Protein backbone atom coordinates (compact mmCIF):
# COMPACT_ATOMS: atom_id res chain seq x y z
CA MET A 1 3.49 177.71 -13.34
CA ALA A 2 5.02 181.07 -13.24
CA ALA A 3 8.83 181.20 -13.24
CA LEU A 4 11.37 183.58 -11.43
CA THR A 5 14.39 184.63 -13.01
CA ILE A 6 17.21 184.82 -10.34
CA GLY A 7 20.51 186.99 -10.88
CA TRP A 8 22.86 184.16 -11.43
CA GLY A 9 21.21 183.24 -14.49
CA TRP A 10 18.98 180.05 -13.73
CA VAL A 11 15.09 180.14 -13.65
CA ALA A 12 13.42 178.92 -10.14
CA ALA A 13 9.84 177.69 -10.33
CA ALA A 14 7.54 179.44 -8.07
CA THR A 15 6.62 177.71 -4.61
CA ALA A 16 3.27 175.67 -4.52
CA GLY A 17 3.06 176.60 -0.83
CA SER A 18 4.23 179.70 1.08
CA LEU A 19 6.49 179.89 3.49
CA THR A 20 5.80 183.25 6.01
CA VAL A 21 6.82 184.60 9.36
CA ALA A 22 4.38 186.35 11.61
CA LEU A 23 4.75 188.69 14.40
CA PRO A 24 2.36 188.04 17.03
CA ARG A 25 -0.42 190.98 17.75
CA SER A 26 0.46 191.10 21.09
CA SER A 27 3.91 192.14 20.24
CA SER A 28 5.34 195.64 19.36
CA THR A 29 6.72 196.72 16.15
CA LYS A 30 10.19 195.26 15.65
CA LEU A 31 13.09 196.74 13.70
CA GLY A 32 15.81 193.87 12.53
CA ARG A 33 16.09 190.76 10.22
CA VAL A 34 14.06 187.86 9.70
CA ARG A 35 16.14 184.46 9.52
CA VAL A 36 14.62 181.19 8.46
CA TYR A 37 16.30 178.19 9.40
CA LEU A 38 15.97 174.73 7.44
CA SER A 39 17.63 171.36 8.66
CA THR A 40 17.39 167.54 7.92
CA SER A 41 18.72 166.93 11.49
CA CYS A 42 15.75 167.16 13.57
CA ASP A 43 17.04 165.25 16.37
CA THR A 44 20.02 167.05 17.97
CA ALA A 45 19.36 170.78 18.17
CA PRO A 46 16.99 173.23 17.05
CA PRO A 47 17.58 174.50 13.52
CA ARG A 48 18.40 177.76 14.74
CA ALA A 49 21.33 176.45 16.70
CA GLN A 50 22.56 174.44 13.82
CA CYS A 51 24.00 177.52 11.86
CA SER A 52 27.74 177.66 11.46
CA ASP A 53 30.72 178.00 9.22
CA GLY A 54 30.97 174.23 8.95
CA GLN A 55 29.94 171.90 6.64
CA GLU A 56 27.19 170.43 8.70
CA THR A 57 25.34 173.94 8.59
CA ALA A 58 21.68 174.41 8.30
CA GLN A 59 20.47 176.19 5.70
CA VAL A 60 19.31 179.83 6.32
CA PHE A 61 17.65 182.39 4.47
CA GLY A 62 17.40 186.20 5.44
CA VAL A 63 15.48 189.18 4.67
CA ASP A 64 15.09 192.81 6.76
CA VAL A 65 11.61 193.75 7.99
CA PRO A 66 9.93 196.45 5.95
CA ASP A 67 10.83 200.02 6.58
CA GLY A 68 9.59 201.26 9.84
CA GLY A 69 9.56 197.76 11.32
CA LEU A 70 7.61 194.72 11.28
CA ARG A 71 4.31 195.89 12.92
CA PRO A 72 2.05 193.36 15.18
CA GLY A 73 0.53 190.66 13.10
CA GLY A 74 2.67 191.48 10.20
CA THR A 75 4.44 188.95 8.29
CA VAL A 76 7.43 188.63 5.73
CA ALA A 77 7.68 185.92 3.11
CA ILE A 78 10.50 183.63 2.13
CA ASP A 79 10.35 182.75 -1.32
CA ALA A 80 12.62 181.67 -4.29
CA SER A 81 13.99 185.34 -4.61
CA THR A 82 15.23 185.28 -0.96
CA LEU A 83 18.79 185.03 -0.66
CA GLY A 84 20.17 182.08 1.54
CA TYR A 85 23.29 180.42 2.76
CA PRO A 86 25.01 178.17 1.72
CA ARG A 87 22.24 177.67 -1.11
CA HIS A 88 21.19 180.61 -2.90
CA SER A 89 17.56 179.89 -3.06
CA ILE A 90 15.03 177.54 -1.73
CA ALA A 91 14.43 176.43 -5.29
CA SER A 92 17.93 174.79 -5.27
CA LEU A 93 17.59 172.70 -2.18
CA PRO A 94 16.95 169.06 -2.59
CA ALA A 95 13.54 167.83 -2.04
CA GLY A 96 12.30 166.20 1.19
CA THR A 97 11.16 166.82 4.88
CA TYR A 98 12.74 169.76 6.79
CA CYS A 99 12.42 170.60 10.28
CA VAL A 100 12.01 175.05 10.02
CA GLN A 101 12.12 177.59 12.47
CA ALA A 102 12.53 181.27 12.26
CA GLU A 103 13.90 184.05 14.52
CA LEU A 104 13.89 187.77 14.11
CA PHE A 105 17.51 189.39 15.14
CA PRO A 106 16.65 192.89 16.61
CA TYR A 107 18.01 196.19 15.24
CA ARG A 108 18.13 199.49 16.77
CA ARG A 109 18.33 203.15 15.53
CA TYR A 110 21.27 204.91 17.47
CA LEU A 111 21.50 208.69 17.28
CA ARG A 112 25.05 209.32 17.98
CA GLY A 113 26.56 212.37 19.60
CA ASP A 114 28.52 213.21 16.41
CA GLY A 115 25.07 213.73 14.83
CA ALA A 116 25.02 210.19 12.50
CA ASP A 117 21.77 208.47 12.46
CA LEU A 118 22.66 204.78 12.48
CA LEU A 119 20.26 201.85 12.26
CA LEU A 120 22.63 198.40 13.59
CA PRO A 121 22.15 195.00 14.98
CA VAL A 122 22.13 195.35 18.75
CA SER A 123 24.92 193.13 19.11
CA CYS A 124 27.39 196.04 17.33
CA VAL A 125 26.88 198.25 20.27
CA SER A 126 26.70 195.69 23.13
CA ASP A 127 26.49 196.46 26.74
CA ALA A 128 29.01 194.88 28.82
CA GLY A 129 28.05 191.46 30.69
CA GLY A 130 26.43 190.16 27.73
CA ASP A 131 28.58 186.99 27.88
CA GLY A 132 29.46 187.09 24.08
CA ALA A 133 26.13 186.34 23.03
CA TYR A 134 26.17 188.11 19.59
CA GLY A 135 24.46 185.44 17.68
CA SER A 136 21.50 185.51 19.69
CA PRO A 137 20.97 188.48 22.12
CA PRO A 138 18.36 189.29 24.35
CA GLY A 139 15.44 190.45 22.63
CA THR A 140 16.05 188.12 19.61
CA LEU A 141 12.31 186.45 18.85
CA TYR A 142 11.75 182.93 17.73
CA SER A 143 9.41 180.50 16.62
CA ASP A 144 8.94 176.91 17.52
CA VAL A 145 10.13 174.27 14.92
CA VAL A 146 7.53 173.01 12.38
CA SER A 147 7.95 169.99 9.83
CA ALA A 148 7.85 170.79 6.09
CA VAL A 149 8.02 168.91 3.06
CA LEU A 150 9.69 170.31 -0.05
CA GLY A 151 8.67 168.95 -3.46
CA GLN A 152 10.61 168.35 -6.49
CA ASP A 153 9.49 171.22 -8.06
CA GLY A 154 11.05 173.46 -5.30
CA GLY A 155 7.57 174.35 -3.73
CA TRP A 156 6.07 173.24 -0.19
CA SER A 157 3.52 170.70 0.10
CA GLY A 158 1.38 173.28 1.67
CA PRO A 159 1.62 176.67 3.36
CA VAL A 160 4.37 176.99 6.30
CA ALA A 161 3.49 179.43 8.74
CA LEU A 162 6.02 180.51 11.39
CA GLU A 163 5.22 182.77 14.32
CA LEU A 164 7.42 184.66 16.69
CA THR A 165 6.33 183.58 20.01
CA HIS A 166 9.34 183.18 21.91
CA GLU A 167 11.99 185.65 23.09
CA VAL A 168 15.61 185.76 24.57
CA ALA A 169 15.44 186.81 27.66
CA ALA A 170 18.05 189.11 29.30
CA VAL A 171 20.32 187.24 31.73
CA ARG A 172 22.40 188.83 34.71
CA SER A 173 26.01 188.95 33.88
CA PRO A 174 28.23 186.09 34.61
CA GLY A 175 30.80 188.60 35.75
CA CYS A 176 34.73 187.87 35.22
CA SER A 177 34.54 184.55 37.17
CA GLY A 178 32.03 183.08 34.93
CA LYS A 179 29.86 182.11 37.94
CA GLY A 180 27.61 185.39 38.37
CA ASN A 181 29.58 186.28 41.46
CA ASP A 182 33.14 187.56 42.78
CA THR A 183 35.32 184.99 44.36
CA ASP A 184 37.97 185.40 46.30
CA TYR A 185 40.79 186.25 43.77
CA ILE A 186 38.74 187.33 40.82
CA LYS A 187 36.44 190.49 41.18
CA THR A 188 34.39 192.52 38.62
CA VAL A 189 34.07 196.11 38.81
CA SER A 190 30.92 197.72 36.58
CA ILE A 191 30.48 201.11 35.86
CA HIS A 192 28.26 203.25 33.31
CA SER A 193 30.67 205.19 30.87
CA THR A 194 29.82 208.74 30.38
CA LEU A 195 31.90 209.01 27.40
CA LEU A 196 30.21 206.13 25.32
CA GLU A 197 26.52 207.05 26.82
CA ARG A 198 27.06 210.54 25.31
CA PHE A 199 28.42 209.09 22.16
CA TRP A 200 26.20 206.41 21.35
CA GLY A 201 23.19 208.00 22.68
CA THR A 202 22.22 205.14 24.87
CA ARG A 203 22.98 203.97 28.25
CA MET A 204 26.38 201.99 28.19
CA LYS A 205 27.93 200.04 30.86
CA LEU A 206 31.60 198.77 31.10
CA GLU A 207 33.05 195.80 33.23
CA ALA A 208 36.79 195.67 34.44
CA CYS A 209 38.02 192.28 35.70
CA VAL A 210 40.60 192.59 38.63
CA LEU A 211 42.85 189.37 39.60
CA LEU A 212 43.90 189.47 43.07
CA PRO A 213 47.36 187.77 43.90
CA PHE A 214 47.70 184.84 46.06
CA GLY A 215 48.28 186.10 49.68
CA PHE A 216 46.10 189.47 49.09
CA HIS A 217 43.73 188.70 51.91
CA GLU A 218 46.79 187.96 54.48
CA ARG A 219 48.17 191.86 53.76
CA ALA A 220 45.92 194.10 55.94
CA SER A 221 47.64 197.16 54.07
CA ALA A 222 47.15 195.91 50.41
CA ARG A 223 44.84 197.65 48.21
């Protein structure tokens, strides 16, 4: 079996089976970063929802899509050379059965008003009303969860094929009340910012919260 030398000075065996993530042929070309999550706790939450800074985090591996984007029907491979967290490589994972899930976190190219041409995660330039969905913004693609067995040699027992068939949908802003509508005392004002739109080269919305004092509605002249 061939071996692959990793930068930390140890050697990892090449995987017996492959782990690939595919973009459906019915999709359009996507910019972004592919992440693959592995967890041994498969009865609680999907693997992509188990990644955190805590000790119980799921394992995650990430790789950017090819230059120009991942095309419909295209695939990316996760192997022993793909960096991960908290363990650096698939080759260092304990053998066993894992539930596996993939996602594609979307990036976007911004032609800024100052002449800069930037490729950034969409959460870096987020529209108001996103309710803090920075880790899984609208447009994020993800796969079903599959079960896979990792052997003692760091190889999968068979090919692990994941397809990005689901998409996080855009949701209506919950507003400042968090309920999706104004209340008697909490109001939401939404505007499009001409200055931000000119700078980022894309449509930008801002939300402002207005908290009315008790008794406001009894004062006819109050503004």
